[in-house]
Amino acid sequence: MARLSSIESAKRIRRRVQAKKAKRAELKAVIMNKTLAPEERFAAQLKLAAMPRTSSATRIRNRCAITGRARGVYRKFNISRIMLRKMAADGLIPGVRKASW
């Protein structure tokens, strides 16, 4: 199981990304607008760079909802491969069963 601090940190990053999403999109739109003056675009670039790094969506790390494991997480179920296998074997995930051929 992952440390509780890493799980809480991931939750905090998700909250910050959600809170700053609109502001980042607005600044990026100004930066990408080629009709504006270069000074105005550069000022927007500086504001974007001054924002916290954890407000970027690329900082989000997918973690297992049960164990907090960071690797091998299936996006569809939001759980790790280990828990997916265990829960599928126990019949806890509807529509999923072990393959046999």
PDB file of N, CA and C in Angstrom:
ATOM      1  N   MET A   1       0.844  -1.182   0.000  1.00  0.00           N
ATOM      2  CA  MET A   1       0.000   0.000   0.000  1.00  0.00           C
ATOM      3  C   MET A   1       0.887   1.243   0.000  1.00  0.00           C
ATOM      4  N   ALA A   2       0.462   2.228  -0.745  1.00  0.00           N
ATOM      5  CA  ALA A   2       1.218   3.477  -0.850  1.00  0.00           C
ATOM      6  C   ALA A   2       1.127   4.267   0.458  1.00  0.00           C
ATOM      7  N   ARG A   3       2.126   5.122   0.643  1.00  0.00           N
ATOM      8  CA  ARG A   3       2.094   5.972   1.832  1.00  0.00           C
ATOM      9  C   ARG A   3       0.884   6.893   1.757  1.00  0.00           C
ATOM     10  N   LEU A   4       0.311   7.174   2.881  1.00  0.00           N
ATOM     11  CA  LEU A   4      -0.860   8.041   2.949  1.00  0.00           C
ATOM     12  C   LEU A   4      -0.529   9.442   2.451  1.00  0.00           C
ATOM     13  N   SER A   5       0.712   9.887   2.678  1.00  0.00           N
ATOM     14  CA  SER A   5       1.103  11.223   2.244  1.00  0.00           C
ATOM     15  C   SER A   5       1.087  11.345   0.726  1.00  0.00           C
ATOM     16  N   SER A   6       1.502  10.280   0.014  1.00  0.00           N
ATOM     17  CA  SER A   6       1.491  10.340  -1.453  1.00  0.00           C
ATOM     18  C   SER A   6       0.070  10.328  -1.995  1.00  0.00           C
ATOM     19  N   ILE A   7      -0.823   9.623  -1.342  1.00  0.00           N
ATOM     20  CA  ILE A   7      -2.228   9.604  -1.753  1.00  0.00           C
ATOM     21  C   ILE A   7      -2.846  10.985  -1.551  1.00  0.00           C
ATOM     22  N   GLU A   8      -2.584  11.591  -0.394  1.00  0.00           N
ATOM     23  CA  GLU A   8      -3.113  12.923  -0.106  1.00  0.00           C
ATOM     24  C   GLU A   8      -2.510  13.973  -1.037  1.00  0.00           C
ATOM     25  N   SER A   9      -1.246  13.820  -1.364  1.00  0.00           N
ATOM     26  CA  SER A   9      -0.586  14.745  -2.284  1.00  0.00           C
ATOM     27  C   SER A   9      -1.244  14.675  -3.658  1.00  0.00           C
ATOM     28  N   ALA A  10      -1.555  13.479  -4.115  1.00  0.00           N
ATOM     29  CA  ALA A  10      -2.217  13.314  -5.416  1.00  0.00           C
ATOM     30  C   ALA A  10      -3.598  13.967  -5.409  1.00  0.00           C
ATOM     31  N   LYS A  11      -4.312  13.840  -4.294  1.00  0.00           N
ATOM     32  CA  LYS A  11      -5.633  14.473  -4.177  1.00  0.00           C
ATOM     33  C   LYS A  11      -5.512  15.994  -4.205  1.00  0.00           C
ATOM     34  N   ARG A  12      -4.491  16.504  -3.523  1.00  0.00           N
ATOM     35  CA  ARG A  12      -4.260  17.944  -3.474  1.00  0.00           C
ATOM     36  C   ARG A  12      -3.923  18.486  -4.866  1.00  0.00           C
ATOM     37  N   ILE A  13      -3.118  17.751  -5.613  1.00  0.00           N
ATOM     38  CA  ILE A  13      -2.766  18.170  -6.974  1.00  0.00           C
ATOM     39  C   ILE A  13      -3.997  18.185  -7.857  1.00  0.00           C
ATOM     40  N   ARG A  14      -4.851  17.164  -7.747  1.00  0.00           N
ATOM     41  CA  ARG A  14      -6.091  17.130  -8.543  1.00  0.00           C
ATOM     42  C   ARG A  14      -6.992  18.332  -8.236  1.00  0.00           C
ATOM     43  N   ARG A  15      -7.091  18.686  -6.958  1.00  0.00           N
ATOM     44  CA  ARG A  15      -7.907  19.850  -6.578  1.00  0.00           C
ATOM     45  C   ARG A  15      -7.329  21.137  -7.156  1.00  0.00           C
ATOM     46  N   ARG A  16      -6.002  21.287  -7.090  1.00  0.00           N
ATOM     47  CA  ARG A  16      -5.365  22.495  -7.597  1.00  0.00           C
ATOM     48  C   ARG A  16      -5.514  22.596  -9.117  1.00  0.00           C
ATOM     49  N   VAL A  17      -5.372  21.492  -9.809  1.00  0.00           N
ATOM     50  CA  VAL A  17      -5.532  21.484 -11.273  1.00  0.00           C
ATOM     51  C   VAL A  17      -6.945  21.926 -11.627  1.00  0.00           C
ATOM     52  N   GLN A  18      -7.922  21.391 -10.912  1.00  0.00           N
ATOM     53  CA  GLN A  18      -9.316  21.744 -11.185  1.00  0.00           C
ATOM     54  C   GLN A  18      -9.576  23.222 -10.902  1.00  0.00           C
ATOM     55  N   ALA A  19      -8.985  23.742  -9.847  1.00  0.00           N
ATOM     56  CA  ALA A  19      -9.216  25.135  -9.474  1.00  0.00           C
ATOM     57  C   ALA A  19      -8.578  26.108 -10.461  1.00  0.00           C
ATOM     58  N   LYS A  20      -7.419  25.769 -10.989  1.00  0.00           N
ATOM     59  CA  LYS A  20      -6.672  26.678 -11.875  1.00  0.00           C
ATOM     60  C   LYS A  20      -6.889  26.399 -13.359  1.00  0.00           C
ATOM     61  N   LYS A  21      -7.753  25.440 -13.680  1.00  0.00           N
ATOM     62  CA  LYS A  21      -7.955  25.028 -15.065  1.00  0.00           C
ATOM     63  C   LYS A  21      -8.399  26.175 -15.964  1.00  0.00           C
ATOM     64  N   ALA A  22      -9.375  26.947 -15.533  1.00  0.00           N
ATOM     65  CA  ALA A  22      -9.919  28.045 -16.343  1.00  0.00           C
ATOM     66  C   ALA A  22      -8.873  29.133 -16.566  1.00  0.00           C
ATOM     67  N   LYS A  23      -8.136  29.484 -15.526  1.00  0.00           N
ATOM     68  CA  LYS A  23      -7.118  30.530 -15.633  1.00  0.00           C
ATOM     69  C   LYS A  23      -6.001  30.120 -16.591  1.00  0.00           C
ATOM     70  N   ARG A  24      -5.568  28.854 -16.502  1.00  0.00           N
ATOM     71  CA  ARG A  24      -4.524  28.357 -17.401  1.00  0.00           C
ATOM     72  C   ARG A  24      -5.013  28.366 -18.853  1.00  0.00           C
ATOM     73  N   ALA A  25      -6.253  27.956 -19.073  1.00  0.00           N
ATOM     74  CA  ALA A  25      -6.811  27.928 -20.436  1.00  0.00           C
ATOM     75  C   ALA A  25      -6.891  29.342 -21.008  1.00  0.00           C
ATOM     76  N   GLU A  26      -7.267  30.294 -20.164  1.00  0.00           N
ATOM     77  CA  GLU A  26      -7.361  31.691 -20.596  1.00  0.00           C
ATOM     78  C   GLU A  26      -5.980  32.232 -21.000  1.00  0.00           C
ATOM     79  N   LEU A  27      -4.972  31.972 -20.180  1.00  0.00           N
ATOM     80  CA  LEU A  27      -3.614  32.430 -20.493  1.00  0.00           C
ATOM     81  C   LEU A  27      -3.058  31.745 -21.742  1.00  0.00           C
ATOM     82  N   LYS A  28      -3.339  30.466 -21.900  1.00  0.00           N
ATOM     83  CA  LYS A  28      -2.864  29.747 -23.081  1.00  0.00           C
ATOM     84  C   LYS A  28      -3.530  30.269 -24.348  1.00  0.00           C
ATOM     85  N   ALA A  29      -4.805  30.657 -24.240  1.00  0.00           N
ATOM     86  CA  ALA A  29      -5.502  31.218 -25.400  1.00  0.00           C
ATOM     87  C   ALA A  29      -4.865  32.538 -25.820  1.00  0.00           C
ATOM     88  N   VAL A  30      -4.472  33.350 -24.851  1.00  0.00           N
ATOM     89  CA  VAL A  30      -3.806  34.621 -25.149  1.00  0.00           C
ATOM     90  C   VAL A  30      -2.441  34.358 -25.786  1.00  0.00           C
ATOM     91  N   ILE A  31      -1.713  33.392 -25.264  1.00  0.00           N
ATOM     92  CA  ILE A  31      -0.382  33.066 -25.792  1.00  0.00           C
ATOM     93  C   ILE A  31      -0.477  32.566 -27.231  1.00  0.00           C
ATOM     94  N   MET A  32      -1.466  31.770 -27.539  1.00  0.00           N
ATOM     95  CA  MET A  32      -1.589  31.180 -28.873  1.00  0.00           C
ATOM     96  C   MET A  32      -2.228  32.118 -29.900  1.00  0.00           C
ATOM     97  N   ASN A  33      -2.807  33.226 -29.438  1.00  0.00           N
ATOM     98  CA  ASN A  33      -3.459  34.179 -30.340  1.00  0.00           C
ATOM     99  C   ASN A  33      -2.391  35.003 -31.059  1.00  0.00           C
ATOM    100  N   LYS A  34      -2.207  34.734 -32.353  1.00  0.00           N
ATOM    101  CA  LYS A  34      -1.147  35.388 -33.136  1.00  0.00           C
ATOM    102  C   LYS A  34      -1.491  36.829 -33.513  1.00  0.00           C
ATOM    103  N   THR A  35      -2.743  37.232 -33.338  1.00  0.00           N
ATOM    104  CA  THR A  35      -3.143  38.595 -33.709  1.00  0.00           C
ATOM    105  C   THR A  35      -2.789  39.620 -32.635  1.00  0.00           C
ATOM    106  N   LEU A  36      -2.520  39.169 -31.419  1.00  0.00           N
ATOM    107  CA  LEU A  36      -2.185  40.095 -30.331  1.00  0.00           C
ATOM    108  C   LEU A  36      -0.734  40.560 -30.441  1.00  0.00           C
ATOM    109  N   ALA A  37      -0.439  41.625 -29.740  1.00  0.00           N
ATOM    110  CA  ALA A  37       0.917  42.177 -29.720  1.00  0.00           C
ATOM    111  C   ALA A  37       1.862  41.201 -29.005  1.00  0.00           C
ATOM    112  N   PRO A  38       3.109  41.111 -29.462  1.00  0.00           N
ATOM    113  CA  PRO A  38       4.073  40.198 -28.824  1.00  0.00           C
ATOM    114  C   PRO A  38       4.287  40.499 -27.340  1.00  0.00           C
ATOM    115  N   GLU A  39       4.219  41.770 -26.950  1.00  0.00           N
ATOM    116  CA  GLU A  39       4.405  42.131 -25.540  1.00  0.00           C
ATOM    117  C   GLU A  39       3.294  41.543 -24.670  1.00  0.00           C
ATOM    118  N   GLU A  40       2.071  41.624 -25.205  1.00  0.00           N
ATOM    119  CA  GLU A  40       0.913  41.109 -24.463  1.00  0.00           C
ATOM    120  C   GLU A  40       0.999  39.581 -24.322  1.00  0.00           C
ATOM    121  N   ARG A  41       1.416  38.923 -25.388  1.00  0.00           N
ATOM    122  CA  ARG A  41       1.562  37.471 -25.356  1.00  0.00           C
ATOM    123  C   ARG A  41       2.684  37.065 -24.401  1.00  0.00           C
ATOM    124  N   PHE A  42       3.769  37.825 -24.400  1.00  0.00           N
ATOM    125  CA  PHE A  42       4.886  37.525 -23.509  1.00  0.00           C
ATOM    126  C   PHE A  42       4.490  37.726 -22.044  1.00  0.00           C
ATOM    127  N   ALA A  43       3.691  38.745 -21.781  1.00  0.00           N
ATOM    128  CA  ALA A  43       3.216  38.993 -20.413  1.00  0.00           C
ATOM    129  C   ALA A  43       2.351  37.815 -19.934  1.00  0.00           C
ATOM    130  N   ALA A  44       1.512  37.294 -20.835  1.00  0.00           N
ATOM    131  CA  ALA A  44       0.691  36.132 -20.489  1.00  0.00           C
ATOM    132  C   ALA A  44       1.564  34.908 -20.240  1.00  0.00           C
ATOM    133  N   GLN A  45       2.636  34.784 -21.003  1.00  0.00           N
ATOM    134  CA  GLN A  45       3.563  33.674 -20.823  1.00  0.00           C
ATOM    135  C   GLN A  45       4.246  33.742 -19.454  1.00  0.00           C
ATOM    136  N   LEU A  46       4.609  34.939 -19.033  1.00  0.00           N
ATOM    137  CA  LEU A  46       5.222  35.111 -17.720  1.00  0.00           C
ATOM    138  C   LEU A  46       4.243  34.784 -16.590  1.00  0.00           C
ATOM    139  N   LYS A  47       2.979  35.184 -16.772  1.00  0.00           N
ATOM    140  CA  LYS A  47       1.957  34.876 -15.763  1.00  0.00           C
ATOM    141  C   LYS A  47       1.746  33.364 -15.663  1.00  0.00           C
ATOM    142  N   LEU A  48       1.731  32.694 -16.819  1.00  0.00           N
ATOM    143  CA  LEU A  48       1.557  31.239 -16.829  1.00  0.00           C
ATOM    144  C   LEU A  48       2.741  30.554 -16.141  1.00  0.00           C
ATOM    145  N   ALA A  49       3.938  31.057 -16.388  1.00  0.00           N
ATOM    146  CA  ALA A  49       5.130  30.477 -15.774  1.00  0.00           C
ATOM    147  C   ALA A  49       5.159  30.723 -14.267  1.00  0.00           C
ATOM    148  N   ALA A  50       4.527  31.803 -13.818  1.00  0.00           N
ATOM    149  CA  ALA A  50       4.509  32.131 -12.388  1.00  0.00           C
ATOM    150  C   ALA A  50       3.500  31.298 -11.605  1.00  0.00           C
ATOM    151  N   MET A  51       2.582  30.647 -12.309  1.00  0.00           N
ATOM    152  CA  MET A  51       1.582  29.817 -11.630  1.00  0.00           C
ATOM    153  C   MET A  51       2.261  28.579 -11.038  1.00  0.00           C
ATOM    154  N   PRO A  52       1.651  27.983 -10.003  1.00  0.00           N
ATOM    155  CA  PRO A  52       2.257  26.789  -9.398  1.00  0.00           C
ATOM    156  C   PRO A  52       2.365  25.648 -10.409  1.00  0.00           C
ATOM    157  N   ARG A  53       3.457  24.927 -10.355  1.00  0.00           N
ATOM    158  CA  ARG A  53       3.652  23.812 -11.286  1.00  0.00           C
ATOM    159  C   ARG A  53       2.601  22.730 -11.111  1.00  0.00           C
ATOM    160  N   THR A  54       2.151  22.551  -9.883  1.00  0.00           N
ATOM    161  CA  THR A  54       1.166  21.497  -9.627  1.00  0.00           C
ATOM    162  C   THR A  54      -0.215  21.842 -10.147  1.00  0.00           C
ATOM    163  N   SER A  55      -0.387  23.011 -10.741  1.00  0.00           N
ATOM    164  CA  SER A  55      -1.683  23.354 -11.325  1.00  0.00           C
ATOM    165  C   SER A  55      -1.775  22.872 -12.770  1.00  0.00           C
ATOM    166  N   SER A  56      -0.706  22.262 -13.279  1.00  0.00           N
ATOM    167  CA  SER A  56      -0.703  21.715 -14.629  1.00  0.00           C
ATOM    168  C   SER A  56      -1.282  20.301 -14.619  1.00  0.00           C
ATOM    169  N   ALA A  57      -2.089  19.979 -15.621  1.00  0.00           N
ATOM    170  CA  ALA A  57      -2.741  18.670 -15.685  1.00  0.00           C
ATOM    171  C   ALA A  57      -1.743  17.536 -15.878  1.00  0.00           C
ATOM    172  N   THR A  58      -0.555  17.832 -16.409  1.00  0.00           N
ATOM    173  CA  THR A  58       0.434  16.778 -16.603  1.00  0.00           C
ATOM    174  C   THR A  58       1.045  16.306 -15.296  1.00  0.00           C
ATOM    175  N   ARG A  59       0.813  17.019 -14.218  1.00  0.00           N
ATOM    176  CA  ARG A  59       1.348  16.624 -12.910  1.00  0.00           C
ATOM    177  C   ARG A  59       0.482  15.571 -12.220  1.00  0.00           C
ATOM    178  N   ILE A  60      -0.694  15.296 -12.759  1.00  0.00           N
ATOM    179  CA  ILE A  60      -1.591  14.326 -12.138  1.00  0.00           C
ATOM    180  C   ILE A  60      -1.052  12.919 -12.371  1.00  0.00           C
ATOM    181  N   ARG A  61      -1.016  12.138 -11.316  1.00  0.00           N
ATOM    182  CA  ARG A  61      -0.559  10.756 -11.389  1.00  0.00           C
ATOM    183  C   ARG A  61      -1.752   9.857 -11.078  1.00  0.00           C
ATOM    184  N   ASN A  62      -2.056   8.924 -11.987  1.00  0.00           N
ATOM    185  CA  ASN A  62      -3.147   7.995 -11.735  1.00  0.00           C
ATOM    186  C   ASN A  62      -2.770   7.050 -10.606  1.00  0.00           C
ATOM    187  N   ARG A  63      -3.653   6.905  -9.645  1.00  0.00           N
ATOM    188  CA  ARG A  63      -3.413   6.020  -8.510  1.00  0.00           C
ATOM    189  C   ARG A  63      -4.614   5.118  -8.294  1.00  0.00           C
ATOM    190  N   CYS A  64      -4.343   3.947  -7.762  1.00  0.00           N
ATOM    191  CA  CYS A  64      -5.399   2.990  -7.452  1.00  0.00           C
ATOM    192  C   CYS A  64      -6.297   3.582  -6.367  1.00  0.00           C
ATOM    193  N   ALA A  65      -7.598   3.479  -6.561  1.00  0.00           N
ATOM    194  CA  ALA A  65      -8.547   4.036  -5.599  1.00  0.00           C
ATOM    195  C   ALA A  65      -8.547   3.257  -4.285  1.00  0.00           C
ATOM    196  N   ILE A  66      -8.096   2.008  -4.316  1.00  0.00           N
ATOM    197  CA  ILE A  66      -8.129   1.170  -3.119  1.00  0.00           C
ATOM    198  C   ILE A  66      -6.803   1.209  -2.366  1.00  0.00           C
ATOM    199  N   THR A  67      -5.699   0.959  -3.086  1.00  0.00           N
ATOM    200  CA  THR A  67      -4.403   0.832  -2.431  1.00  0.00           C
ATOM    201  C   THR A  67      -3.525   2.058  -2.572  1.00  0.00           C
ATOM    202  N   GLY A  68      -3.766   2.891  -3.566  1.00  0.00           N
ATOM    203  CA  GLY A  68      -2.926   4.051  -3.800  1.00  0.00           C
ATOM    204  C   GLY A  68      -1.728   3.748  -4.675  1.00  0.00           C
ATOM    205  N   ARG A  69      -1.656   2.534  -5.214  1.00  0.00           N
ATOM    206  CA  ARG A  69      -0.545   2.141  -6.081  1.00  0.00           C
ATOM    207  C   ARG A  69      -0.518   3.032  -7.318  1.00  0.00           C
ATOM    208  N   ALA A  70       0.690   3.489  -7.720  1.00  0.00           N
ATOM    209  CA  ALA A  70       0.812   4.442  -8.819  1.00  0.00           C
ATOM    210  C   ALA A  70       1.036   3.770 -10.175  1.00  0.00           C
ATOM    211  N   ARG A  71       1.505   2.548 -10.173  1.00  0.00           N
ATOM    212  CA  ARG A  71       1.812   1.884 -11.441  1.00  0.00           C
ATOM    213  C   ARG A  71       0.814   0.781 -11.739  1.00  0.00           C
ATOM    214  N   GLY A  72       0.568   0.570 -13.007  1.00  0.00           N
ATOM    215  CA  GLY A  72      -0.335  -0.500 -13.427  1.00  0.00           C
ATOM    216  C   GLY A  72      -1.775  -0.220 -13.072  1.00  0.00           C
ATOM    217  N   VAL A  73      -2.198   1.023 -13.254  1.00  0.00           N
ATOM    218  CA  VAL A  73      -3.571   1.410 -12.919  1.00  0.00           C
ATOM    219  C   VAL A  73      -4.410   1.426 -14.191  1.00  0.00           C
ATOM    220  N   TYR A  74      -5.513   0.694 -14.187  1.00  0.00           N
ATOM    221  CA  TYR A  74      -6.438   0.669 -15.318  1.00  0.00           C
ATOM    222  C   TYR A  74      -7.371   1.863 -15.205  1.00  0.00           C
ATOM    223  N   ARG A  75      -7.376   2.696 -16.236  1.00  0.00           N
ATOM    224  CA  ARG A  75      -8.181   3.915 -16.194  1.00  0.00           C
ATOM    225  C   ARG A  75      -9.677   3.624 -16.138  1.00  0.00           C
ATOM    226  N   LYS A  76     -10.084   2.590 -16.839  1.00  0.00           N
ATOM    227  CA  LYS A  76     -11.513   2.260 -16.900  1.00  0.00           C
ATOM    228  C   LYS A  76     -12.084   1.959 -15.514  1.00  0.00           C
ATOM    229  N   PHE A  77     -11.302   1.271 -14.694  1.00  0.00           N
ATOM    230  CA  PHE A  77     -11.764   0.871 -13.363  1.00  0.00           C
ATOM    231  C   PHE A  77     -11.180   1.737 -12.257  1.00  0.00           C
ATOM    232  N   ASN A  78     -10.124   2.474 -12.545  1.00  0.00           N
ATOM    233  CA  ASN A  78      -9.418   3.314 -11.576  1.00  0.00           C
ATOM    234  C   ASN A  78      -8.847   2.500 -10.413  1.00  0.00           C
ATOM    235  N   ILE A  79      -8.454   1.256 -10.724  1.00  0.00           N
ATOM    236  CA  ILE A  79      -7.801   0.411  -9.735  1.00  0.00           C
ATOM    237  C   ILE A  79      -6.581  -0.246 -10.376  1.00  0.00           C
ATOM    238  N   SER A  80      -5.665  -0.700  -9.544  1.00  0.00           N
ATOM    239  CA  SER A  80      -4.431  -1.296 -10.043  1.00  0.00           C
ATOM    240  C   SER A  80      -4.702  -2.695 -10.591  1.00  0.00           C
ATOM    241  N   ARG A  81      -3.739  -3.187 -11.360  1.00  0.00           N
ATOM    242  CA  ARG A  81      -3.860  -4.505 -11.978  1.00  0.00           C
ATOM    243  C   ARG A  81      -3.987  -5.607 -10.932  1.00  0.00           C
ATOM    244  N   ILE A  82      -3.334  -5.426  -9.799  1.00  0.00           N
ATOM    245  CA  ILE A  82      -3.373  -6.428  -8.737  1.00  0.00           C
ATOM    246  C   ILE A  82      -4.765  -6.502  -8.126  1.00  0.00           C
ATOM    247  N   MET A  83      -5.324  -5.337  -7.814  1.00  0.00           N
ATOM    248  CA  MET A  83      -6.667  -5.305  -7.230  1.00  0.00           C
ATOM    249  C   MET A  83      -7.730  -5.720  -8.253  1.00  0.00           C
ATOM    250  N   LEU A  84      -7.494  -5.390  -9.528  1.00  0.00           N
ATOM    251  CA  LEU A  84      -8.427  -5.799 -10.582  1.00  0.00           C
ATOM    252  C   LEU A  84      -8.504  -7.316 -10.651  1.00  0.00           C
ATOM    253  N   ARG A  85      -7.341  -7.945 -10.632  1.00  0.00           N
ATOM    254  CA  ARG A  85      -7.298  -9.406 -10.699  1.00  0.00           C
ATOM    255  C   ARG A  85      -7.976 -10.031  -9.480  1.00  0.00           C
ATOM    256  N   LYS A  86      -7.692  -9.491  -8.304  1.00  0.00           N
ATOM    257  CA  LYS A  86      -8.274 -10.024  -7.066  1.00  0.00           C
ATOM    258  C   LYS A  86      -9.794  -9.852  -7.049  1.00  0.00           C
ATOM    259  N   MET A  87     -10.247  -8.643  -7.405  1.00  0.00           N
ATOM    260  CA  MET A  87     -11.686  -8.371  -7.379  1.00  0.00           C
ATOM    261  C   MET A  87     -12.431  -9.136  -8.470  1.00  0.00           C
ATOM    262  N   ALA A  88     -11.797  -9.314  -9.642  1.00  0.00           N
ATOM    263  CA  ALA A  88     -12.428 -10.081 -10.716  1.00  0.00           C
ATOM    264  C   ALA A  88     -12.545 -11.547 -10.307  1.00  0.00           C
ATOM    265  N   ALA A  89     -11.533 -12.076  -9.646  1.00  0.00           N
ATOM    266  CA  ALA A  89     -11.568 -13.466  -9.190  1.00  0.00           C
ATOM    267  C   ALA A  89     -12.644 -13.669  -8.129  1.00  0.00           C
ATOM    268  N   ASP A  90     -12.858 -12.650  -7.312  1.00  0.00           N
ATOM    269  CA  ASP A  90     -13.890 -12.727  -6.274  1.00  0.00           C
ATOM    270  C   ASP A  90     -15.278 -12.425  -6.811  1.00  0.00           C
ATOM    271  N   GLY A  91     -15.370 -11.980  -8.073  1.00  0.00           N
ATOM    272  CA  GLY A  91     -16.664 -11.675  -8.684  1.00  0.00           C
ATOM    273  C   GLY A  91     -17.230 -10.342  -8.255  1.00  0.00           C
ATOM    274  N   LEU A  92     -16.378  -9.408  -7.865  1.00  0.00           N
ATOM    275  CA  LEU A  92     -16.844  -8.108  -7.379  1.00  0.00           C
ATOM    276  C   LEU A  92     -16.999  -7.065  -8.482  1.00  0.00           C
ATOM    277  N   ILE A  93     -16.477  -7.360  -9.676  1.00  0.00           N
ATOM    278  CA  ILE A  93     -16.592  -6.418 -10.792  1.00  0.00           C
ATOM    279  C   ILE A  93     -17.555  -7.017 -11.813  1.00  0.00           C
ATOM    280  N   PRO A  94     -18.720  -6.401 -12.023  1.00  0.00           N
ATOM    281  CA  PRO A  94     -19.709  -6.949 -12.944  1.00  0.00           C
ATOM    282  C   PRO A  94     -19.188  -6.978 -14.385  1.00  0.00           C
ATOM    283  N   GLY A  95     -19.413  -8.081 -15.066  1.00  0.00           N
ATOM    284  CA  GLY A  95     -19.039  -8.207 -16.473  1.00  0.00           C
ATOM    285  C   GLY A  95     -17.602  -8.587 -16.709  1.00  0.00           C
ATOM    286  N   VAL A  96     -16.834  -8.808 -15.656  1.00  0.00           N
ATOM    287  CA  VAL A  96     -15.420  -9.169 -15.809  1.00  0.00           C
ATOM    288  C   VAL A  96     -15.235 -10.560 -15.218  1.00  0.00           C
ATOM    289  N   ARG A  97     -14.580 -11.426 -16.016  1.00  0.00           N
ATOM    290  CA  ARG A  97     -14.243 -12.738 -15.493  1.00  0.00           C
ATOM    291  C   ARG A  97     -12.921 -13.185 -16.089  1.00  0.00           C
ATOM    292  N   LYS A  98     -12.315 -14.147 -15.464  1.00  0.00           N
ATOM    293  CA  LYS A  98     -11.016 -14.640 -15.899  1.00  0.00           C
ATOM    294  C   LYS A  98     -11.161 -15.362 -17.234  1.00  0.00           C
ATOM    295  N   ALA A  99     -10.221 -15.041 -18.127  1.00  0.00           N
ATOM    296  CA  ALA A  99     -10.252 -15.683 -19.440  1.00  0.00           C
ATOM    297  C   ALA A  99      -9.764 -17.111 -19.347  1.00  0.00           C
ATOM    298  N   SER A 100     -10.373 -17.989 -20.157  1.00  0.00           N
ATOM    299  CA  SER A 100      -9.896 -19.379 -20.263  1.00  0.00           C
ATOM    300  C   SER A 100     -10.213 -19.876 -21.655  1.00  0.00           C
ATOM    301  N   TRP A 101      -9.219 -20.457 -22.288  1.00  0.00           N
ATOM    302  CA  TRP A 101      -9.419 -21.002 -23.632  1.00  0.00           C
ATOM    303  C   TRP A 101      -8.574 -22.222 -23.848  1.00  0.00           C
TER     304      TRP A 101
END
